[in-house]
C-alpha atoms as a PDB file:
ATOM      1  CA  MET A   1     -11.792  21.067  -1.243  1.00  0.00           C
ATOM      2  CA  ALA A   2     -11.267  18.181  -2.921  1.00  0.00           C
ATOM      3  CA  ARG A   3     -13.754  14.927  -3.944  1.00  0.00           C
ATOM      4  CA  LEU A   4     -11.719  11.731  -4.004  1.00  0.00           C
ATOM      5  CA  THR A   5     -13.002   8.175  -4.355  1.00  0.00           C
ATOM      6  CA  ILE A   6     -11.493   6.115  -2.258  1.00  0.00           C
ATOM      7  CA  ASN A   7     -13.317   2.241  -1.713  1.00  0.00           C
ATOM      8  CA  GLY A   8     -15.953   3.461  -4.274  1.00  0.00           C
ATOM      9  CA  LYS A   9     -16.697   6.085  -1.389  1.00  0.00           C
ATOM     10  CA  THR A  10     -16.726  10.048  -1.908  1.00  0.00           C
ATOM     11  CA  SER A  11     -14.780  12.154   0.719  1.00  0.00           C
ATOM     12  CA  GLU A  12     -14.419  15.657   0.464  1.00  0.00           C
ATOM     13  CA  VAL A  13     -11.330  16.649   1.770  1.00  0.00           C
ATOM     14  CA  ASN A  14      -9.948  20.280   2.815  1.00  0.00           C
ATOM     15  CA  VAL A  15      -6.316  20.094   1.902  1.00  0.00           C
ATOM     16  CA  ASP A  16      -4.110  21.959  -0.184  1.00  0.00           C
ATOM     17  CA  PRO A  17      -3.796  20.419  -3.628  1.00  0.00           C
ATOM     18  CA  SER A  18      -0.415  20.085  -3.240  1.00  0.00           C
ATOM     19  CA  THR A  19      -1.280  17.617  -0.017  1.00  0.00           C
ATOM     20  CA  PRO A  20       0.593  14.407  -1.059  1.00  0.00           C
ATOM     21  CA  LEU A  21      -2.667  11.867  -1.462  1.00  0.00           C
ATOM     22  CA  LEU A  22      -1.443   9.647   1.061  1.00  0.00           C
ATOM     23  CA  TRP A  23      -2.024  12.427   3.628  1.00  0.00           C
ATOM     24  CA  ALA A  24      -5.551  13.179   2.309  1.00  0.00           C
ATOM     25  CA  ILE A  25      -6.497   9.170   2.677  1.00  0.00           C
ATOM     26  CA  ARG A  26      -4.798   8.658   6.534  1.00  0.00           C
ATOM     27  CA  GLU A  27      -5.593  12.692   8.183  1.00  0.00           C
ATOM     28  CA  GLN A  28      -8.531  13.561   6.521  1.00  0.00           C
ATOM     29  CA  VAL A  29     -10.464  10.407   4.998  1.00  0.00           C
ATOM     30  CA  GLY A  30      -9.055   8.091   8.558  1.00  0.00           C
ATOM     31  CA  LEU A  31      -8.009   5.058   6.412  1.00  0.00           C
ATOM     32  CA  THR A  32      -5.012   4.504   7.559  1.00  0.00           C
ATOM     33  CA  GLY A  33      -3.972   0.835   6.747  1.00  0.00           C
ATOM     34  CA  THR A  34      -1.652   2.242   4.011  1.00  0.00           C
ATOM     35  CA  LYS A  35       1.729   3.667   5.583  1.00  0.00           C
ATOM     36  CA  TYR A  36       3.617   6.135   5.433  1.00  0.00           C
ATOM     37  CA  GLY A  37       7.822   4.847   4.960  1.00  0.00           C
ATOM     38  CA  CYS A  38      10.037   6.903   3.344  1.00  0.00           C
ATOM     39  CA  GLY A  39       8.144   9.668   1.605  1.00  0.00           C
ATOM     40  CA  MET A  40      10.110   9.365  -1.625  1.00  0.00           C
ATOM     41  CA  ALA A  41       8.271   7.026  -3.298  1.00  0.00           C
ATOM     42  CA  LEU A  42      10.874   4.613  -2.706  1.00  0.00           C
ATOM     43  CA  CYS A  43       9.848   1.846  -0.137  1.00  0.00           C
ATOM     44  CA  GLY A  44       6.653   0.993  -1.318  1.00  0.00           C
ATOM     45  CA  ALA A  45       4.301   0.810   1.863  1.00  0.00           C
ATOM     46  CA  CYS A  46       2.216   3.830   0.803  1.00  0.00           C
ATOM     47  CA  THR A  47       1.638   2.084  -1.991  1.00  0.00           C
ATOM     48  CA  VAL A  48      -2.545   2.110  -3.266  1.00  0.00           C
ATOM     49  CA  HIS A  49      -4.086   1.727  -6.466  1.00  0.00           C
ATOM     50  CA  VAL A  50      -5.032   5.019  -8.685  1.00  0.00           C
ATOM     51  CA  ASP A  51      -7.329   3.778 -11.774  1.00  0.00           C
ATOM     52  CA  GLY A  52      -6.121   0.358 -10.915  1.00  0.00           C
ATOM     53  CA  LYS A  53      -2.127   1.211 -11.157  1.00  0.00           C
ATOM     54  CA  ALA A  54      -0.357   0.409  -8.167  1.00  0.00           C
ATOM     55  CA  THR A  55       0.838   4.009  -7.146  1.00  0.00           C
ATOM     56  CA  ARG A  56       2.940   5.196  -4.573  1.00  0.00           C
ATOM     57  CA  SER A  57       0.828   8.014  -2.688  1.00  0.00           C
ATOM     58  CA  CYS A  58       3.017   9.661  -0.448  1.00  0.00           C
ATOM     59  CA  VAL A  59       4.524  11.578  -3.700  1.00  0.00           C
ATOM     60  CA  MET A  60       1.332  11.663  -5.534  1.00  0.00           C
ATOM     61  CA  PRO A  61      -0.650  15.234  -5.158  1.00  0.00           C
ATOM     62  CA  VAL A  62      -4.020  15.342  -4.470  1.00  0.00           C
ATOM     63  CA  SER A  63      -4.925  17.470  -6.899  1.00  0.00           C
ATOM     64  CA  ALA A  64      -3.876  14.445  -9.346  1.00  0.00           C
ATOM     65  CA  ALA A  65      -6.253  12.356  -7.970  1.00  0.00           C
ATOM     66  CA  VAL A  66      -9.069  14.199  -8.336  1.00  0.00           C
ATOM     67  CA  GLY A  67     -11.226  12.686 -10.551  1.00  0.00           C
ATOM     68  CA  LYS A  68      -9.526   9.457 -10.321  1.00  0.00           C
ATOM     69  CA  LYS A  69     -10.612   5.203  -8.441  1.00  0.00           C
ATOM     70  CA  ILE A  70      -8.610   4.900  -5.063  1.00  0.00           C
ATOM     71  CA  THR A  71      -8.317   2.105  -3.876  1.00  0.00           C
ATOM     72  CA  THR A  72      -6.456   1.457  -0.364  1.00  0.00           C
ATOM     73  CA  ILE A  73      -6.324  -2.022   1.362  1.00  0.00           C
ATOM     74  CA  GLU A  74      -8.885  -1.497   3.300  1.00  0.00           C
ATOM     75  CA  GLY A  75     -10.959  -1.443  -0.375  1.00  0.00           C
ATOM     76  CA  LEU A  76      -8.925  -4.635  -1.914  1.00  0.00           C
ATOM     77  CA  ALA A  77     -11.592  -7.431   0.157  1.00  0.00           C
ATOM     78  CA  THR A  78     -14.480  -7.627  -1.590  1.00  0.00           C
ATOM     79  CA  ASN A  79     -18.024  -8.308   0.608  1.00  0.00           C
ATOM     80  CA  GLY A  80     -15.942  -9.786   4.026  1.00  0.00           C
ATOM     81  CA  THR A  81     -13.667 -11.953   1.334  1.00  0.00           C
ATOM     82  CA  LEU A  82      -9.951 -11.584   1.447  1.00  0.00           C
ATOM     83  CA  HIS A  83      -8.327 -10.653  -1.823  1.00  0.00           C
ATOM     84  CA  LYS A  84      -6.539 -13.628  -3.509  1.00  0.00           C
ATOM     85  CA  VAL A  85      -3.368 -11.660  -2.466  1.00  0.00           C
ATOM     86  CA  GLN A  86      -4.462 -11.088   1.054  1.00  0.00           C
ATOM     87  CA  LYS A  87      -5.574 -14.650   1.610  1.00  0.00           C
ATOM     88  CA  ALA A  88      -1.924 -15.553   0.161  1.00  0.00           C
ATOM     89  CA  TRP A  89      -0.544 -13.675   2.374  1.00  0.00           C
ATOM     90  CA  VAL A  90      -1.999 -15.582   5.370  1.00  0.00           C
ATOM     91  CA  ASP A  91      -1.664 -18.235   4.304  1.00  0.00           C
ATOM     92  CA  ASN A  92       2.564 -18.258   3.161  1.00  0.00           C
ATOM     93  CA  GLU A  93       2.598 -16.657   6.804  1.00  0.00           C
ATOM     94  CA  VAL A  94       4.357 -13.176   4.831  1.00  0.00           C
ATOM     95  CA  PRO A  95       4.129 -11.000   7.627  1.00  0.00           C
ATOM     96  CA  GLN A  96       6.612 -10.072   9.986  1.00  0.00           C
ATOM     97  CA  CYS A  97       6.478  -7.177  11.687  1.00  0.00           C
ATOM     98  CA  GLY A  98       3.572  -5.950   8.581  1.00  0.00           C
ATOM     99  CA  TYR A  99       4.486  -2.732   8.359  1.00  0.00           C
ATOM    100  CA  CYS A 100       5.525  -2.856   4.994  1.00  0.00           C
ATOM    101  CA  GLN A 101       2.127  -5.421   4.398  1.00  0.00           C
ATOM    102  CA  ALA A 102       0.048  -3.299   2.820  1.00  0.00           C
ATOM    103  CA  GLY A 103       1.532  -2.075   0.462  1.00  0.00           C
ATOM    104  CA  MET A 104       2.720  -4.752  -0.567  1.00  0.00           C
ATOM    105  CA  ILE A 105       0.013  -6.137  -1.127  1.00  0.00           C
ATOM    106  CA  MET A 106      -1.035  -3.359  -3.039  1.00  0.00           C
ATOM    107  CA  ALA A 107       1.626  -3.608  -5.258  1.00  0.00           C
ATOM    108  CA  VAL A 108       1.385  -6.940  -6.048  1.00  0.00           C
ATOM    109  CA  ALA A 109      -2.450  -7.119  -6.214  1.00  0.00           C
ATOM    110  CA  ALA A 110      -2.062  -4.706  -9.501  1.00  0.00           C
ATOM    111  CA  LEU A 111       0.597  -7.092 -11.023  1.00  0.00           C
ATOM    112  CA  LEU A 112      -1.189 -10.065 -10.396  1.00  0.00           C
ATOM    113  CA  LYS A 113      -4.171  -7.431 -12.769  1.00  0.00           C
ATOM    114  CA  ASP A 114      -1.980  -7.193 -15.245  1.00  0.00           C
ATOM    115  CA  LYS A 115       0.058 -10.535 -15.488  1.00  0.00           C
ATOM    116  CA  PRO A 116      -2.085 -13.262 -13.898  1.00  0.00           C
ATOM    117  CA  LYS A 117       0.597 -15.587 -14.527  1.00  0.00           C
ATOM    118  CA  PRO A 118       4.193 -13.234 -13.376  1.00  0.00           C
ATOM    119  CA  THR A 119       7.694 -15.070 -13.777  1.00  0.00           C
ATOM    120  CA  ASP A 120      10.119 -14.367 -10.798  1.00  0.00           C
ATOM    121  CA  ALA A 121      11.525 -11.972 -13.660  1.00  0.00           C
ATOM    122  CA  ASP A 122       8.463 -10.087 -13.690  1.00  0.00           C
ATOM    123  CA  ILE A 123       7.609  -9.880  -9.838  1.00  0.00           C
ATOM    124  CA  ASP A 124      11.741  -8.824  -9.726  1.00  0.00           C
ATOM    125  CA  LYS A 125      11.214  -6.184 -11.858  1.00  0.00           C
ATOM    126  CA  SER A 126       7.947  -5.645 -11.153  1.00  0.00           C
ATOM    127  CA  ILE A 127       7.421  -5.543  -7.128  1.00  0.00           C
ATOM    128  CA  THR A 128      10.335  -3.012  -5.342  1.00  0.00           C
ATOM    129  CA  ASN A 129       8.668  -2.761  -2.166  1.00  0.00           C
ATOM    130  CA  ILE A 130      11.300  -2.909   0.417  1.00  0.00           C
ATOM    131  CA  CYS A 131      10.473  -5.446   4.019  1.00  0.00           C
ATOM    132  CA  ARG A 132      13.077  -4.580   6.255  1.00  0.00           C
ATOM    133  CA  CYS A 133      11.760  -7.669   8.257  1.00  0.00           C
ATOM    134  CA  GLY A 134      13.671  -8.985   4.603  1.00  0.00           C
ATOM    135  CA  THR A 135      10.098 -11.422   4.126  1.00  0.00           C
ATOM    136  CA  PHE A 136      11.072 -11.137   0.369  1.00  0.00           C
ATOM    137  CA  GLN A 137      11.102 -15.476  -0.286  1.00  0.00           C
ATOM    138  CA  GLN A 138       7.225 -15.539   1.636  1.00  0.00           C
ATOM    139  CA  VAL A 139       6.369 -12.986  -0.814  1.00  0.00           C
ATOM    140  CA  ARG A 140       7.802 -14.407  -4.121  1.00  0.00           C
ATOM    141  CA  GLU A 141       6.066 -17.715  -2.958  1.00  0.00           C
ATOM    142  CA  ALA A 142       2.406 -15.560  -1.823  1.00  0.00           C
ATOM    143  CA  ILE A 143       2.669 -14.515  -5.086  1.00  0.00           C
ATOM    144  CA  HIS A 144       2.519 -17.623  -6.813  1.00  0.00           C
ATOM    145  CA  ALA A 145       0.122 -19.218  -4.754  1.00  0.00           C
ATOM    146  CA  ALA A 146      -2.025 -16.122  -5.285  1.00  0.00           C
ATOM    147  CA  ALA A 147      -1.290 -16.517  -9.287  1.00  0.00           C
ATOM    148  CA  LYS A 148      -2.858 -20.369  -8.829  1.00  0.00           C
ATOM    149  CA  ALA A 149      -6.189 -19.012  -6.961  1.00  0.00           C
END
């Protein structure tokens, strides 16, 4: 058993300590907003925050997440109010298929926490998530909109 703090709530998960955090979040805790994409930390669909840092949960073992504060896309909004990145995503009509969007939003929220007014170079360096639909221009516009919010 491992005790995880996800979105401010403690959950006991009965998994092997080497199990990727992604599977504990989805299969044990039942939060399915975090997606499986590549399984190799390349695409970013599985991005969550661990102690405030964007983390690819498909390669992080549960044992490394014990005692840390984990936030998933389900925990990003506060008291029913969308996070400014979520709002910018809606306002700028970013999603196409939407599969990568939870991970992308989590990566952007972490970027804006560290760099409230990112340049295009900051975005290119930090947001390495992959969108197969090619919404990268809308993503960039939404990032700049959220930075102004």
